[in-house]
Amino acid sequence: MVDLGLLDGALERVLGDWEGRDLAECIPEIAAGAMQPSTESLARWLHGRLDREVPPPARVASVEVWESDDLGARYPA
């Protein structure tokens, strides 16, 4: 179990002010060409970052990213 306020803080630290911005501005790996801006790679990237931010004993079980109603990805699958 995790305090929802702590989870909100973790989300804010990882996502910051992404809304309306290009992913290449938000994620250095995309800007450098080391990561494709796909739903699959974004879900994996977010899982790694969020799992480090969530305080133990809680952990991130999975992350889902959706581009549209019928296109998305989950990590781990």
PDB file of N, CA and C in Angstrom:
ATOM      1  N   MET A   1       0.856  -1.180   0.000  1.00  0.00           N
ATOM      2  CA  MET A   1       0.000   0.000   0.000  1.00  0.00           C
ATOM      3  C   MET A   1       0.898   1.238   0.000  1.00  0.00           C
ATOM      4  N   VAL A   2       0.456   2.255  -0.685  1.00  0.00           N
ATOM      5  CA  VAL A   2       1.217   3.503  -0.739  1.00  0.00           C
ATOM      6  C   VAL A   2       0.260   4.668  -0.539  1.00  0.00           C
ATOM      7  N   ASP A   3       0.742   5.687   0.129  1.00  0.00           N
ATOM      8  CA  ASP A   3      -0.020   6.915   0.313  1.00  0.00           C
ATOM      9  C   ASP A   3      -0.236   7.535  -1.064  1.00  0.00           C
ATOM     10  N   LEU A   4      -1.477   7.830  -1.408  1.00  0.00           N
ATOM     11  CA  LEU A   4      -1.769   8.379  -2.739  1.00  0.00           C
ATOM     12  C   LEU A   4      -1.079   9.715  -2.973  1.00  0.00           C
ATOM     13  N   GLY A   5      -0.853  10.477  -1.928  1.00  0.00           N
ATOM     14  CA  GLY A   5      -0.109  11.730  -2.070  1.00  0.00           C
ATOM     15  C   GLY A   5       1.317  11.485  -2.511  1.00  0.00           C
ATOM     16  N   LEU A   6       1.943  10.410  -1.990  1.00  0.00           N
ATOM     17  CA  LEU A   6       3.299  10.059  -2.415  1.00  0.00           C
ATOM     18  C   LEU A   6       3.311   9.592  -3.868  1.00  0.00           C
ATOM     19  N   LEU A   7       2.274   8.862  -4.254  1.00  0.00           N
ATOM     20  CA  LEU A   7       2.172   8.429  -5.645  1.00  0.00           C
ATOM     21  C   LEU A   7       1.976   9.623  -6.575  1.00  0.00           C
ATOM     22  N   ASP A   8       1.139  10.563  -6.181  1.00  0.00           N
ATOM     23  CA  ASP A   8       0.951  11.782  -6.970  1.00  0.00           C
ATOM     24  C   ASP A   8       2.275  12.525  -7.133  1.00  0.00           C
ATOM     25  N   GLY A   9       3.063  12.581  -6.051  1.00  0.00           N
ATOM     26  CA  GLY A   9       4.368  13.243  -6.110  1.00  0.00           C
ATOM     27  C   GLY A   9       5.304  12.544  -7.082  1.00  0.00           C
ATOM     28  N   ALA A  10       5.290  11.208  -7.067  1.00  0.00           N
ATOM     29  CA  ALA A  10       6.126  10.436  -7.988  1.00  0.00           C
ATOM     30  C   ALA A  10       5.724  10.718  -9.432  1.00  0.00           C
ATOM     31  N   LEU A  11       4.428  10.733  -9.692  1.00  0.00           N
ATOM     32  CA  LEU A  11       3.943  11.031 -11.044  1.00  0.00           C
ATOM     33  C   LEU A  11       4.358  12.433 -11.477  1.00  0.00           C
ATOM     34  N   GLU A  12       4.263  13.379 -10.585  1.00  0.00           N
ATOM     35  CA  GLU A  12       4.634  14.760 -10.915  1.00  0.00           C
ATOM     36  C   GLU A  12       6.125  14.868 -11.210  1.00  0.00           C
ATOM     37  N   ARG A  13       6.960  14.177 -10.432  1.00  0.00           N
ATOM     38  CA  ARG A  13       8.404  14.235 -10.671  1.00  0.00           C
ATOM     39  C   ARG A  13       8.769  13.611 -12.016  1.00  0.00           C
ATOM     40  N   VAL A  14       8.089  12.539 -12.396  1.00  0.00           N
ATOM     41  CA  VAL A  14       8.419  11.856 -13.646  1.00  0.00           C
ATOM     42  C   VAL A  14       7.787  12.556 -14.845  1.00  0.00           C
ATOM     43  N   LEU A  15       6.516  12.927 -14.737  1.00  0.00           N
ATOM     44  CA  LEU A  15       5.805  13.496 -15.883  1.00  0.00           C
ATOM     45  C   LEU A  15       5.940  15.005 -15.984  1.00  0.00           C
ATOM     46  N   GLY A  16       6.119  15.667 -14.850  1.00  0.00           N
ATOM     47  CA  GLY A  16       6.284  17.111 -14.852  1.00  0.00           C
ATOM     48  C   GLY A  16       5.219  17.815 -15.658  1.00  0.00           C
ATOM     49  N   ASP A  17       5.640  18.604 -16.614  1.00  0.00           N
ATOM     50  CA  ASP A  17       4.709  19.394 -17.430  1.00  0.00           C
ATOM     51  C   ASP A  17       4.690  18.901 -18.874  1.00  0.00           C
ATOM     52  N   TRP A  18       4.452  17.609 -19.053  1.00  0.00           N
ATOM     53  CA  TRP A  18       4.457  17.010 -20.384  1.00  0.00           C
ATOM     54  C   TRP A  18       3.291  17.452 -21.256  1.00  0.00           C
ATOM     55  N   GLU A  19       2.190  17.809 -20.661  1.00  0.00           N
ATOM     56  CA  GLU A  19       0.969  18.062 -21.443  1.00  0.00           C
ATOM     57  C   GLU A  19       1.204  19.092 -22.536  1.00  0.00           C
ATOM     58  N   GLY A  20       0.880  18.689 -23.773  1.00  0.00           N
ATOM     59  CA  GLY A  20       0.996  19.584 -24.910  1.00  0.00           C
ATOM     60  C   GLY A  20       2.401  19.722 -25.466  1.00  0.00           C
ATOM     61  N   ARG A  21       3.366  18.992 -24.895  1.00  0.00           N
ATOM     62  CA  ARG A  21       4.751  19.110 -25.363  1.00  0.00           C
ATOM     63  C   ARG A  21       5.134  17.912 -26.218  1.00  0.00           C
ATOM     64  N   ASP A  22       6.143  18.079 -27.033  1.00  0.00           N
ATOM     65  CA  ASP A  22       6.709  17.018 -27.848  1.00  0.00           C
ATOM     66  C   ASP A  22       7.513  16.092 -26.930  1.00  0.00           C
ATOM     67  N   LEU A  23       7.372  14.772 -27.111  1.00  0.00           N
ATOM     68  CA  LEU A  23       8.104  13.823 -26.267  1.00  0.00           C
ATOM     69  C   LEU A  23       9.613  14.012 -26.360  1.00  0.00           C
ATOM     70  N   ALA A  24      10.112  14.455 -27.507  1.00  0.00           N
ATOM     71  CA  ALA A  24      11.547  14.693 -27.657  1.00  0.00           C
ATOM     72  C   ALA A  24      12.017  15.823 -26.741  1.00  0.00           C
ATOM     73  N   GLU A  25      11.125  16.717 -26.344  1.00  0.00           N
ATOM     74  CA  GLU A  25      11.471  17.774 -25.394  1.00  0.00           C
ATOM     75  C   GLU A  25      11.471  17.251 -23.966  1.00  0.00           C
ATOM     76  N   CYS A  26      10.694  16.213 -23.711  1.00  0.00           N
ATOM     77  CA  CYS A  26      10.513  15.695 -22.357  1.00  0.00           C
ATOM     78  C   CYS A  26      11.456  14.551 -22.016  1.00  0.00           C
ATOM     79  N   ILE A  27      11.837  13.759 -23.014  1.00  0.00           N
ATOM     80  CA  ILE A  27      12.629  12.556 -22.777  1.00  0.00           C
ATOM     81  C   ILE A  27      13.924  12.654 -23.577  1.00  0.00           C
ATOM     82  N   PRO A  28      15.049  12.853 -22.874  1.00  0.00           N
ATOM     83  CA  PRO A  28      16.329  13.013 -23.578  1.00  0.00           C
ATOM     84  C   PRO A  28      16.683  11.835 -24.474  1.00  0.00           C
ATOM     85  N   GLU A  29      16.300  10.620 -24.092  1.00  0.00           N
ATOM     86  CA  GLU A  29      16.611   9.444 -24.909  1.00  0.00           C
ATOM     87  C   GLU A  29      15.944   9.506 -26.282  1.00  0.00           C
ATOM     88  N   ILE A  30      14.762  10.089 -26.346  1.00  0.00           N
ATOM     89  CA  ILE A  30      14.092  10.252 -27.640  1.00  0.00           C
ATOM     90  C   ILE A  30      14.807  11.327 -28.461  1.00  0.00           C
ATOM     91  N   ALA A  31      15.139  12.434 -27.823  1.00  0.00           N
ATOM     92  CA  ALA A  31      15.836  13.521 -28.517  1.00  0.00           C
ATOM     93  C   ALA A  31      17.174  13.052 -29.077  1.00  0.00           C
ATOM     94  N   ALA A  32      17.846  12.146 -28.350  1.00  0.00           N
ATOM     95  CA  ALA A  32      19.159  11.655 -28.775  1.00  0.00           C
ATOM     96  C   ALA A  32      19.055  10.534 -29.807  1.00  0.00           C
ATOM     97  N   GLY A  33      17.839  10.057 -30.081  1.00  0.00           N
ATOM     98  CA  GLY A  33      17.656   8.977 -31.040  1.00  0.00           C
ATOM     99  C   GLY A  33      17.897   7.595 -30.462  1.00  0.00           C
ATOM    100  N   ALA A  34      18.068   7.503 -29.135  1.00  0.00           N
ATOM    101  CA  ALA A  34      18.318   6.215 -28.485  1.00  0.00           C
ATOM    102  C   ALA A  34      17.038   5.468 -28.149  1.00  0.00           C
ATOM    103  N   MET A  35      15.899   6.130 -28.311  1.00  0.00           N
ATOM    104  CA  MET A  35      14.612   5.519 -27.976  1.00  0.00           C
ATOM    105  C   MET A  35      13.572   5.998 -28.974  1.00  0.00           C
ATOM    106  N   GLN A  36      12.761   5.068 -29.470  1.00  0.00           N
ATOM    107  CA  GLN A  36      11.675   5.424 -30.385  1.00  0.00           C
ATOM    108  C   GLN A  36      10.484   5.939 -29.573  1.00  0.00           C
ATOM    109  N   PRO A  37       9.779   6.949 -30.058  1.00  0.00           N
ATOM    110  CA  PRO A  37       8.611   7.462 -29.336  1.00  0.00           C
ATOM    111  C   PRO A  37       7.366   6.612 -29.596  1.00  0.00           C
ATOM    112  N   SER A  38       7.443   5.323 -29.265  1.00  0.00           N
ATOM    113  CA  SER A  38       6.309   4.419 -29.449  1.00  0.00           C
ATOM    114  C   SER A  38       5.623   4.176 -28.107  1.00  0.00           C
ATOM    115  N   THR A  39       4.405   3.678 -28.153  1.00  0.00           N
ATOM    116  CA  THR A  39       3.701   3.380 -26.900  1.00  0.00           C
ATOM    117  C   THR A  39       4.453   2.318 -26.113  1.00  0.00           C
ATOM    118  N   GLU A  40       5.032   1.330 -26.801  1.00  0.00           N
ATOM    119  CA  GLU A  40       5.756   0.261 -26.117  1.00  0.00           C
ATOM    120  C   GLU A  40       6.983   0.789 -25.381  1.00  0.00           C
ATOM    121  N   SER A  41       7.800   1.575 -26.067  1.00  0.00           N
ATOM    122  CA  SER A  41       9.010   2.084 -25.421  1.00  0.00           C
ATOM    123  C   SER A  41       8.676   3.119 -24.357  1.00  0.00           C
ATOM    124  N   LEU A  42       7.639   3.894 -24.556  1.00  0.00           N
ATOM    125  CA  LEU A  42       7.246   4.874 -23.539  1.00  0.00           C
ATOM    126  C   LEU A  42       6.729   4.182 -22.286  1.00  0.00           C
ATOM    127  N   ALA A  43       5.958   3.119 -22.432  1.00  0.00           N
ATOM    128  CA  ALA A  43       5.474   2.374 -21.268  1.00  0.00           C
ATOM    129  C   ALA A  43       6.647   1.791 -20.486  1.00  0.00           C
ATOM    130  N   ARG A  44       7.632   1.222 -21.178  1.00  0.00           N
ATOM    131  CA  ARG A  44       8.810   0.655 -20.525  1.00  0.00           C
ATOM    132  C   ARG A  44       9.607   1.754 -19.809  1.00  0.00           C
ATOM    133  N   TRP A  45       9.800   2.885 -20.479  1.00  0.00           N
ATOM    134  CA  TRP A  45      10.546   4.010 -19.895  1.00  0.00           C
ATOM    135  C   TRP A  45       9.853   4.524 -18.635  1.00  0.00           C
ATOM    136  N   LEU A  46       8.532   4.727 -18.731  1.00  0.00           N
ATOM    137  CA  LEU A  46       7.774   5.222 -17.574  1.00  0.00           C
ATOM    138  C   LEU A  46       7.807   4.229 -16.416  1.00  0.00           C
ATOM    139  N   HIS A  47       7.689   2.952 -16.708  1.00  0.00           N
ATOM    140  CA  HIS A  47       7.738   1.932 -15.652  1.00  0.00           C
ATOM    141  C   HIS A  47       9.056   2.036 -14.886  1.00  0.00           C
ATOM    142  N   GLY A  48      10.156   2.119 -15.603  1.00  0.00           N
ATOM    143  CA  GLY A  48      11.464   2.227 -14.953  1.00  0.00           C
ATOM    144  C   GLY A  48      11.591   3.456 -14.088  1.00  0.00           C
ATOM    145  N   ARG A  49      11.120   4.598 -14.582  1.00  0.00           N
ATOM    146  CA  ARG A  49      11.229   5.846 -13.813  1.00  0.00           C
ATOM    147  C   ARG A  49      10.285   5.851 -12.610  1.00  0.00           C
ATOM    148  N   LEU A  50       9.050   5.430 -12.820  1.00  0.00           N
ATOM    149  CA  LEU A  50       8.078   5.437 -11.719  1.00  0.00           C
ATOM    150  C   LEU A  50       8.443   4.437 -10.635  1.00  0.00           C
ATOM    151  N   ASP A  51       8.946   3.269 -11.020  1.00  0.00           N
ATOM    152  CA  ASP A  51       9.290   2.255 -10.029  1.00  0.00           C
ATOM    153  C   ASP A  51      10.379   2.756  -9.090  1.00  0.00           C
ATOM    154  N   ARG A  52      11.285   3.597  -9.586  1.00  0.00           N
ATOM    155  CA  ARG A  52      12.330   4.176  -8.722  1.00  0.00           C
ATOM    156  C   ARG A  52      11.783   5.257  -7.797  1.00  0.00           C
ATOM    157  N   GLU A  53      10.689   5.894  -8.190  1.00  0.00           N
ATOM    158  CA  GLU A  53      10.125   7.002  -7.419  1.00  0.00           C
ATOM    159  C   GLU A  53       9.121   6.567  -6.353  1.00  0.00           C
ATOM    160  N   VAL A  54       8.486   5.425  -6.547  1.00  0.00           N
ATOM    161  CA  VAL A  54       7.464   4.962  -5.602  1.00  0.00           C
ATOM    162  C   VAL A  54       8.171   4.391  -4.374  1.00  0.00           C
ATOM    163  N   PRO A  55       7.813   4.883  -3.183  1.00  0.00           N
ATOM    164  CA  PRO A  55       8.503   4.432  -1.976  1.00  0.00           C
ATOM    165  C   PRO A  55       8.123   2.998  -1.593  1.00  0.00           C
ATOM    166  N   PRO A  56       9.139   2.191  -1.179  1.00  0.00           N
ATOM    167  CA  PRO A  56       8.861   0.831  -0.707  1.00  0.00           C
ATOM    168  C   PRO A  56       7.951   0.875   0.520  1.00  0.00           C
ATOM    169  N   PRO A  57       7.173  -0.123   0.749  1.00  0.00           N
ATOM    170  CA  PRO A  57       7.201  -1.415   0.082  1.00  0.00           C
ATOM    171  C   PRO A  57       6.355  -1.456  -1.188  1.00  0.00           C
ATOM    172  N   ALA A  58       5.760  -0.346  -1.584  1.00  0.00           N
ATOM    173  CA  ALA A  58       4.965  -0.319  -2.820  1.00  0.00           C
ATOM    174  C   ALA A  58       5.890  -0.483  -4.014  1.00  0.00           C
ATOM    175  N   ARG A  59       5.335  -0.944  -5.113  1.00  0.00           N
ATOM    176  CA  ARG A  59       6.079  -1.058  -6.362  1.00  0.00           C
ATOM    177  C   ARG A  59       5.110  -0.852  -7.513  1.00  0.00           C
ATOM    178  N   VAL A  60       5.630  -0.506  -8.645  1.00  0.00           N
ATOM    179  CA  VAL A  60       4.815  -0.323  -9.839  1.00  0.00           C
ATOM    180  C   VAL A  60       4.659  -1.690 -10.499  1.00  0.00           C
ATOM    181  N   ALA A  61       3.428  -2.169 -10.584  1.00  0.00           N
ATOM    182  CA  ALA A  61       3.181  -3.477 -11.182  1.00  0.00           C
ATOM    183  C   ALA A  61       3.238  -3.396 -12.703  1.00  0.00           C
ATOM    184  N   SER A  62       2.616  -2.390 -13.286  1.00  0.00           N
ATOM    185  CA  SER A  62       2.651  -2.213 -14.733  1.00  0.00           C
ATOM    186  C   SER A  62       2.262  -0.785 -15.078  1.00  0.00           C
ATOM    187  N   VAL A  63       2.603  -0.405 -16.292  1.00  0.00           N
ATOM    188  CA  VAL A  63       2.258   0.915 -16.825  1.00  0.00           C
ATOM    189  C   VAL A  63       1.596   0.705 -18.178  1.00  0.00           C
ATOM    190  N   GLU A  64       0.498   1.402 -18.402  1.00  0.00           N
ATOM    191  CA  GLU A  64      -0.176   1.376 -19.702  1.00  0.00           C
ATOM    192  C   GLU A  64      -0.126   2.760 -20.318  1.00  0.00           C
ATOM    193  N   VAL A  65       0.149   2.789 -21.619  1.00  0.00           N
ATOM    194  CA  VAL A  65       0.181   4.032 -22.381  1.00  0.00           C
ATOM    195  C   VAL A  65      -0.741   3.843 -23.576  1.00  0.00           C
ATOM    196  N   TRP A  66      -1.628   4.796 -23.782  1.00  0.00           N
ATOM    197  CA  TRP A  66      -2.594   4.724 -24.887  1.00  0.00           C
ATOM    198  C   TRP A  66      -2.462   5.948 -25.770  1.00  0.00           C
ATOM    199  N   GLU A  67      -2.391   5.711 -27.076  1.00  0.00           N
ATOM    200  CA  GLU A  67      -2.400   6.798 -28.063  1.00  0.00           C
ATOM    201  C   GLU A  67      -3.824   7.137 -28.476  1.00  0.00           C
ATOM    202  N   SER A  68      -4.669   6.102 -28.498  1.00  0.00           N
ATOM    203  CA  SER A  68      -6.060   6.272 -28.892  1.00  0.00           C
ATOM    204  C   SER A  68      -6.865   5.142 -28.240  1.00  0.00           C
ATOM    205  N   ASP A  69      -8.147   5.110 -28.509  1.00  0.00           N
ATOM    206  CA  ASP A  69      -9.016   4.076 -27.920  1.00  0.00           C
ATOM    207  C   ASP A  69      -8.586   2.656 -28.283  1.00  0.00           C
ATOM    208  N   ASP A  70      -7.931   2.493 -29.418  1.00  0.00           N
ATOM    209  CA  ASP A  70      -7.579   1.146 -29.856  1.00  0.00           C
ATOM    210  C   ASP A  70      -6.075   0.933 -30.102  1.00  0.00           C
ATOM    211  N   LEU A  71      -5.224   1.817 -29.603  1.00  0.00           N
ATOM    212  CA  LEU A  71      -3.795   1.667 -29.770  1.00  0.00           C
ATOM    213  C   LEU A  71      -3.092   2.009 -28.467  1.00  0.00           C
ATOM    214  N   GLY A  72      -2.514   0.992 -27.842  1.00  0.00           N
ATOM    215  CA  GLY A  72      -1.825   1.194 -26.577  1.00  0.00           C
ATOM    216  C   GLY A  72      -0.867   0.064 -26.293  1.00  0.00           C
ATOM    217  N   ALA A  73      -0.154   0.196 -25.175  1.00  0.00           N
ATOM    218  CA  ALA A  73       0.816  -0.828 -24.768  1.00  0.00           C
ATOM    219  C   ALA A  73       0.895  -0.862 -23.250  1.00  0.00           C
ATOM    220  N   ARG A  74       1.248  -2.044 -22.731  1.00  0.00           N
ATOM    221  CA  ARG A  74       1.455  -2.233 -21.289  1.00  0.00           C
ATOM    222  C   ARG A  74       2.841  -2.813 -21.064  1.00  0.00           C
ATOM    223  N   TYR A  75       3.527  -2.302 -20.023  1.00  0.00           N
ATOM    224  CA  TYR A  75       4.822  -2.855 -19.624  1.00  0.00           C
ATOM    225  C   TYR A  75       4.794  -3.104 -18.131  1.00  0.00           C
ATOM    226  N   PRO A  76       5.245  -4.299 -17.665  1.00  0.00           N
ATOM    227  CA  PRO A  76       5.440  -5.473 -18.498  1.00  0.00           C
ATOM    228  C   PRO A  76       4.117  -5.994 -19.023  1.00  0.00           C
ATOM    229  N   ALA A  77       4.190  -6.640 -20.165  1.00  0.00           N
ATOM    230  CA  ALA A  77       2.968  -7.120 -20.848  1.00  0.00           C
ATOM    231  C   ALA A  77       2.264  -8.217 -20.095  1.00  0.00           C
TER     232      ALA A  77
END
